[in-house]
Amino acid sequence: MASIIIIAVVFVLDILAFVLAIGAERRRSYATYVNVDLSGRPYCVYSSDASTAYGVSALLLLLAGQVVIMVATRCFCCGRALSPGRWRAWSGICFVVCWITFVIAELCLLAGSVRNAYHTKYLPRSNDTPPACAMLRKGVFASGAAFTFLTTLFTELHYIFYARSRAAADIAPPIVGGIGMTRMP
């Protein structure tokens, strides 16, 4: 039987990661140009850097949720064998899909956090052009949030199907009478 505690802990961790990824998208840095240099050269001034912290926090919470579920299911490959059947098949499919979505979500969150934390200094290429201020594209954290949601869905399904398959393996098969010999007259 699936543990409600494990399901709740993983759900809370993943939902917090989802909310933080959405917050990171909404609070991502943007740049404005200001001429404050003594020689009048423009340089980049960035808004708050809160989305980097949100993105890293979402990354760590999603990682914690994945670790909890993989420890609970013994990473699907360690421990006793599961009973063959549809629950094991669905658990295997959800296992593969949850890892794919997890890796994509982590890469989006990591790339978004790193790119958002990168702030350029002034020194334009020539005195005529403003500096090229590095800014994060819109939607990087949002795609990380979307894949975080998918990871949550497939991780929970993997655990539920794994628990059902584990419960089916615990039931002993029915004993059918021995060799089946009959009396000879």
C-alpha atoms as a PDB file:
ATOM      1  CA  MET A   1       0.000   0.000   0.000  1.00  0.00           C
ATOM      2  CA  ALA A   2       1.269   3.469  -0.854  1.00  0.00           C
ATOM      3  CA  SER A   3       2.316   5.593   2.088  1.00  0.00           C
ATOM      4  CA  ILE A   4       0.243   8.739   2.434  1.00  0.00           C
ATOM      5  CA  ILE A   5       3.132  10.428   4.249  1.00  0.00           C
ATOM      6  CA  ILE A   6       5.556   9.899   1.361  1.00  0.00           C
ATOM      7  CA  ILE A   7       2.965  11.037  -1.164  1.00  0.00           C
ATOM      8  CA  ALA A   8       2.238  14.173   0.906  1.00  0.00           C
ATOM      9  CA  VAL A   9       5.904  15.052   1.489  1.00  0.00           C
ATOM     10  CA  VAL A  10       6.818  14.690  -2.181  1.00  0.00           C
ATOM     11  CA  PHE A  11       3.694  16.578  -3.245  1.00  0.00           C
ATOM     12  CA  VAL A  12       4.449  19.496  -0.898  1.00  0.00           C
ATOM     13  CA  LEU A  13       8.111  19.681  -1.971  1.00  0.00           C
ATOM     14  CA  ASP A  14       7.223  19.600  -5.657  1.00  0.00           C
ATOM     15  CA  ILE A  15       4.386  22.125  -5.340  1.00  0.00           C
ATOM     16  CA  LEU A  16       6.698  24.497  -3.466  1.00  0.00           C
ATOM     17  CA  ALA A  17       9.240  24.070  -6.262  1.00  0.00           C
ATOM     18  CA  PHE A  18       6.508  24.822  -8.810  1.00  0.00           C
ATOM     19  CA  VAL A  19       5.415  27.971  -6.962  1.00  0.00           C
ATOM     20  CA  LEU A  20       9.004  29.187  -6.634  1.00  0.00           C
ATOM     21  CA  ALA A  21       9.636  28.577 -10.340  1.00  0.00           C
ATOM     22  CA  ILE A  22       6.561  30.657 -11.194  1.00  0.00           C
ATOM     23  CA  GLY A  23       7.789  33.345  -8.779  1.00  0.00           C
ATOM     24  CA  ALA A  24      11.198  33.276 -10.455  1.00  0.00           C
ATOM     25  CA  GLU A  25       9.575  33.855 -13.833  1.00  0.00           C
ATOM     26  CA  ARG A  26       7.618  36.808 -12.530  1.00  0.00           C
ATOM     27  CA  ARG A  27      10.612  38.379 -10.754  1.00  0.00           C
ATOM     28  CA  ARG A  28      13.303  37.862 -13.360  1.00  0.00           C
ATOM     29  CA  SER A  29      15.814  40.666 -13.783  1.00  0.00           C
ATOM     30  CA  TYR A  30      15.568  43.257 -16.488  1.00  0.00           C
ATOM     31  CA  ALA A  31      18.088  45.908 -17.455  1.00  0.00           C
ATOM     32  CA  THR A  32      17.892  49.643 -17.996  1.00  0.00           C
ATOM     33  CA  TYR A  33      20.588  51.981 -19.292  1.00  0.00           C
ATOM     34  CA  VAL A  34      21.849  54.828 -17.137  1.00  0.00           C
ATOM     35  CA  ASN A  35      24.512  57.414 -17.977  1.00  0.00           C
ATOM     36  CA  VAL A  36      26.252  57.943 -14.658  1.00  0.00           C
ATOM     37  CA  ASP A  37      29.843  57.405 -15.657  1.00  0.00           C
ATOM     38  CA  LEU A  38      32.060  60.488 -15.534  1.00  0.00           C
ATOM     39  CA  SER A  39      32.790  60.153 -19.235  1.00  0.00           C
ATOM     40  CA  GLY A  40      29.093  59.703 -19.991  1.00  0.00           C
ATOM     41  CA  ARG A  41      29.324  56.066 -21.046  1.00  0.00           C
ATOM     42  CA  PRO A  42      26.145  54.033 -20.508  1.00  0.00           C
ATOM     43  CA  TYR A  43      26.114  50.972 -18.357  1.00  0.00           C
ATOM     44  CA  CYS A  44      23.547  48.365 -17.345  1.00  0.00           C
ATOM     45  CA  VAL A  45      21.545  48.672 -14.180  1.00  0.00           C
ATOM     46  CA  TYR A  46      19.528  45.594 -13.228  1.00  0.00           C
ATOM     47  CA  SER A  47      16.369  45.184 -11.233  1.00  0.00           C
ATOM     48  CA  SER A  48      16.265  42.903  -8.190  1.00  0.00           C
ATOM     49  CA  ASP A  49      17.962  39.532  -8.361  1.00  0.00           C
ATOM     50  CA  ALA A  50      15.265  37.645  -6.440  1.00  0.00           C
ATOM     51  CA  SER A  51      14.502  35.239  -9.257  1.00  0.00           C
ATOM     52  CA  THR A  52      17.957  33.664  -9.031  1.00  0.00           C
ATOM     53  CA  ALA A  53      17.304  32.702  -5.414  1.00  0.00           C
ATOM     54  CA  TYR A  54      13.799  31.512  -6.310  1.00  0.00           C
ATOM     55  CA  GLY A  55      15.145  29.405  -9.164  1.00  0.00           C
ATOM     56  CA  VAL A  56      17.864  27.796  -7.043  1.00  0.00           C
ATOM     57  CA  SER A  57      15.359  27.125  -4.247  1.00  0.00           C
ATOM     58  CA  ALA A  58      12.956  25.503  -6.727  1.00  0.00           C
ATOM     59  CA  LEU A  59      15.811  23.408  -8.092  1.00  0.00           C
ATOM     60  CA  LEU A  60      16.758  22.167  -4.608  1.00  0.00           C
ATOM     61  CA  LEU A  61      13.170  21.436  -3.569  1.00  0.00           C
ATOM     62  CA  LEU A  62      12.524  19.467  -6.750  1.00  0.00           C
ATOM     63  CA  LEU A  63      15.740  17.549  -6.160  1.00  0.00           C
ATOM     64  CA  ALA A  64      14.686  16.789  -2.562  1.00  0.00           C
ATOM     65  CA  GLY A  65      11.314  15.480  -3.744  1.00  0.00           C
ATOM     66  CA  GLN A  66      12.993  13.256  -6.330  1.00  0.00           C
ATOM     67  CA  VAL A  67      15.423  11.883  -3.728  1.00  0.00           C
ATOM     68  CA  VAL A  68      12.585  11.066  -1.319  1.00  0.00           C
ATOM     69  CA  ILE A  69      10.594   9.155  -3.930  1.00  0.00           C
ATOM     70  CA  MET A  70      13.640   7.301  -5.274  1.00  0.00           C
ATOM     71  CA  VAL A  71      14.629   6.214  -1.764  1.00  0.00           C
ATOM     72  CA  ALA A  72      11.058   5.068  -1.114  1.00  0.00           C
ATOM     73  CA  THR A  73      10.932   3.037  -4.340  1.00  0.00           C
ATOM     74  CA  ARG A  74      14.565   1.923  -4.151  1.00  0.00           C
ATOM     75  CA  CYS A  75      15.102   3.625  -7.508  1.00  0.00           C
ATOM     76  CA  PHE A  76      12.841   0.993  -9.092  1.00  0.00           C
ATOM     77  CA  CYS A  77      15.753  -1.356  -9.760  1.00  0.00           C
ATOM     78  CA  CYS A  78      17.042  -2.329  -6.315  1.00  0.00           C
ATOM     79  CA  GLY A  79      15.334  -4.574  -3.814  1.00  0.00           C
ATOM     80  CA  ARG A  80      12.870  -7.385  -4.393  1.00  0.00           C
ATOM     81  CA  ALA A  81      11.469  -7.986  -7.808  1.00  0.00           C
ATOM     82  CA  LEU A  82       8.019  -6.658  -8.490  1.00  0.00           C
ATOM     83  CA  SER A  83       5.162  -8.825  -9.574  1.00  0.00           C
ATOM     84  CA  PRO A  84       4.762  -8.848 -13.349  1.00  0.00           C
ATOM     85  CA  GLY A  85       1.673  -7.178 -14.651  1.00  0.00           C
ATOM     86  CA  ARG A  86       0.146  -3.878 -15.554  1.00  0.00           C
ATOM     87  CA  TRP A  87       1.149  -2.105 -12.310  1.00  0.00           C
ATOM     88  CA  ARG A  88       4.825  -2.869 -12.850  1.00  0.00           C
ATOM     89  CA  ALA A  89       4.569  -1.807 -16.502  1.00  0.00           C
ATOM     90  CA  TRP A  90       2.891   1.491 -15.634  1.00  0.00           C
ATOM     91  CA  SER A  91       5.362   2.063 -12.826  1.00  0.00           C
ATOM     92  CA  GLY A  92       8.255   1.532 -15.237  1.00  0.00           C
ATOM     93  CA  ILE A  93       6.787   3.909 -17.813  1.00  0.00           C
ATOM     94  CA  CYS A  94       6.156   6.588 -15.192  1.00  0.00           C
ATOM     95  CA  PHE A  95       9.667   6.039 -13.784  1.00  0.00           C
ATOM     96  CA  VAL A  96      11.290   6.772 -17.145  1.00  0.00           C
ATOM     97  CA  VAL A  97       9.033   9.748 -17.887  1.00  0.00           C
ATOM     98  CA  CYS A  98       9.497  11.240 -14.403  1.00  0.00           C
ATOM     99  CA  TRP A  99      13.284  11.121 -14.824  1.00  0.00           C
ATOM    100  CA  ILE A 100      13.104  12.750 -18.257  1.00  0.00           C
ATOM    101  CA  THR A 101      10.858  15.559 -17.018  1.00  0.00           C
ATOM    102  CA  PHE A 102      12.973  15.923 -13.865  1.00  0.00           C
ATOM    103  CA  VAL A 103      16.190  16.405 -15.841  1.00  0.00           C
ATOM    104  CA  ILE A 104      14.541  18.927 -18.180  1.00  0.00           C
ATOM    105  CA  ALA A 105      13.048  20.856 -15.235  1.00  0.00           C
ATOM    106  CA  GLU A 106      16.380  20.931 -13.398  1.00  0.00           C
ATOM    107  CA  LEU A 107      18.204  22.114 -16.523  1.00  0.00           C
ATOM    108  CA  CYS A 108      15.666  24.888 -17.116  1.00  0.00           C
ATOM    109  CA  LEU A 109      15.839  26.049 -13.509  1.00  0.00           C
ATOM    110  CA  LEU A 110      19.627  25.873 -13.396  1.00  0.00           C
ATOM    111  CA  ALA A 111      20.123  27.637 -16.737  1.00  0.00           C
ATOM    112  CA  GLY A 112      17.599  30.304 -15.801  1.00  0.00           C
ATOM    113  CA  SER A 113      19.230  30.926 -12.429  1.00  0.00           C
ATOM    114  CA  VAL A 114      22.728  31.118 -13.874  1.00  0.00           C
ATOM    115  CA  ARG A 115      21.707  33.360 -16.765  1.00  0.00           C
ATOM    116  CA  ASN A 116      19.638  35.607 -14.510  1.00  0.00           C
ATOM    117  CA  ALA A 117      22.551  36.010 -12.098  1.00  0.00           C
ATOM    118  CA  TYR A 118      24.878  37.087 -14.899  1.00  0.00           C
ATOM    119  CA  HIS A 119      25.088  40.871 -14.999  1.00  0.00           C
ATOM    120  CA  THR A 120      27.301  42.658 -17.487  1.00  0.00           C
ATOM    121  CA  LYS A 121      29.385  45.691 -16.671  1.00  0.00           C
ATOM    122  CA  TYR A 122      29.513  48.705 -18.918  1.00  0.00           C
ATOM    123  CA  LEU A 123      32.250  49.093 -21.574  1.00  0.00           C
ATOM    124  CA  PRO A 124      30.271  49.033 -24.783  1.00  0.00           C
ATOM    125  CA  ARG A 125      32.036  48.001 -27.989  1.00  0.00           C
ATOM    126  CA  SER A 126      32.142  51.578 -29.173  1.00  0.00           C
ATOM    127  CA  ASN A 127      31.109  54.879 -27.670  1.00  0.00           C
ATOM    128  CA  ASP A 128      28.125  55.127 -30.025  1.00  0.00           C
ATOM    129  CA  THR A 129      26.260  51.994 -29.033  1.00  0.00           C
ATOM    130  CA  PRO A 130      24.768  51.182 -25.661  1.00  0.00           C
ATOM    131  CA  PRO A 131      26.082  48.077 -23.911  1.00  0.00           C
ATOM    132  CA  ALA A 132      24.519  44.713 -24.641  1.00  0.00           C
ATOM    133  CA  CYS A 133      22.891  43.946 -21.316  1.00  0.00           C
ATOM    134  CA  ALA A 134      22.524  40.248 -20.682  1.00  0.00           C
ATOM    135  CA  MET A 135      18.971  39.371 -19.734  1.00  0.00           C
ATOM    136  CA  LEU A 136      17.168  36.087 -19.317  1.00  0.00           C
ATOM    137  CA  ARG A 137      14.637  35.263 -22.019  1.00  0.00           C
ATOM    138  CA  LYS A 138      11.034  35.195 -21.015  1.00  0.00           C
ATOM    139  CA  GLY A 139       9.718  31.693 -20.365  1.00  0.00           C
ATOM    140  CA  VAL A 140      12.813  29.839 -19.131  1.00  0.00           C
ATOM    141  CA  PHE A 141      11.567  29.627 -15.553  1.00  0.00           C
ATOM    142  CA  ALA A 142       8.015  29.058 -16.811  1.00  0.00           C
ATOM    143  CA  SER A 143       9.123  26.013 -18.779  1.00  0.00           C
ATOM    144  CA  GLY A 144      10.991  24.838 -15.677  1.00  0.00           C
ATOM    145  CA  ALA A 145       7.736  25.233 -13.745  1.00  0.00           C
ATOM    146  CA  ALA A 146       5.801  23.288 -16.375  1.00  0.00           C
ATOM    147  CA  PHE A 147       8.267  20.419 -16.283  1.00  0.00           C
ATOM    148  CA  THR A 148       8.242  20.585 -12.477  1.00  0.00           C
ATOM    149  CA  PHE A 149       4.484  20.035 -12.613  1.00  0.00           C
ATOM    150  CA  LEU A 150       4.924  17.086 -14.985  1.00  0.00           C
ATOM    151  CA  THR A 151       7.636  15.662 -12.741  1.00  0.00           C
ATOM    152  CA  THR A 152       5.258  15.901  -9.795  1.00  0.00           C
ATOM    153  CA  LEU A 153       2.527  14.104 -11.708  1.00  0.00           C
ATOM    154  CA  PHE A 154       4.677  11.249 -13.012  1.00  0.00           C
ATOM    155  CA  THR A 155       6.604  10.836  -9.752  1.00  0.00           C
ATOM    156  CA  GLU A 156       3.390  10.428  -7.775  1.00  0.00           C
ATOM    157  CA  LEU A 157       1.991   8.000 -10.352  1.00  0.00           C
ATOM    158  CA  HIS A 158       5.243   6.024 -10.339  1.00  0.00           C
ATOM    159  CA  TYR A 159       5.081   5.664  -6.564  1.00  0.00           C
ATOM    160  CA  ILE A 160       1.419   4.642  -6.527  1.00  0.00           C
ATOM    161  CA  PHE A 161       1.903   2.057  -9.292  1.00  0.00           C
ATOM    162  CA  TYR A 162       5.091   0.825  -7.622  1.00  0.00           C
ATOM    163  CA  ALA A 163       3.240   0.339  -4.322  1.00  0.00           C
ATOM    164  CA  ARG A 164       0.442  -1.576  -6.061  1.00  0.00           C
ATOM    165  CA  SER A 165       2.919  -3.819  -7.810  1.00  0.00           C
ATOM    166  CA  ARG A 166       4.790  -4.362  -4.536  1.00  0.00           C
ATOM    167  CA  ALA A 167       1.533  -5.283  -2.792  1.00  0.00           C
ATOM    168  CA  ALA A 168       0.690  -7.745  -5.577  1.00  0.00           C
ATOM    169  CA  ALA A 169       4.128  -9.368  -5.147  1.00  0.00           C
ATOM    170  CA  ASP A 170       3.471  -9.912  -1.418  1.00  0.00           C
ATOM    171  CA  ILE A 171       0.446 -12.128  -2.088  1.00  0.00           C
ATOM    172  CA  ALA A 172       1.466 -15.755  -2.387  1.00  0.00           C
ATOM    173  CA  PRO A 173       0.254 -17.554  -5.486  1.00  0.00           C
ATOM    174  CA  PRO A 174      -2.478 -20.127  -4.895  1.00  0.00           C
ATOM    175  CA  ILE A 175      -1.260 -23.634  -4.254  1.00  0.00           C
ATOM    176  CA  VAL A 176      -2.503 -26.024  -6.855  1.00  0.00           C
ATOM    177  CA  GLY A 177      -2.371 -29.671  -5.697  1.00  0.00           C
ATOM    178  CA  GLY A 178       1.026 -31.369  -6.220  1.00  0.00           C
ATOM    179  CA  ILE A 179       1.900 -33.466  -9.222  1.00  0.00           C
ATOM    180  CA  GLY A 180      -1.613 -34.531 -10.062  1.00  0.00           C
ATOM    181  CA  MET A 181      -1.239 -38.303  -9.841  1.00  0.00           C
ATOM    182  CA  THR A 182      -4.361 -40.447  -9.475  1.00  0.00           C
ATOM    183  CA  ARG A 183      -4.833 -43.822  -7.900  1.00  0.00           C
ATOM    184  CA  MET A 184      -4.402 -46.786 -10.049  1.00  0.00           C
ATOM    185  CA  PRO A 185      -7.284 -49.338  -9.783  1.00  0.00           C
END
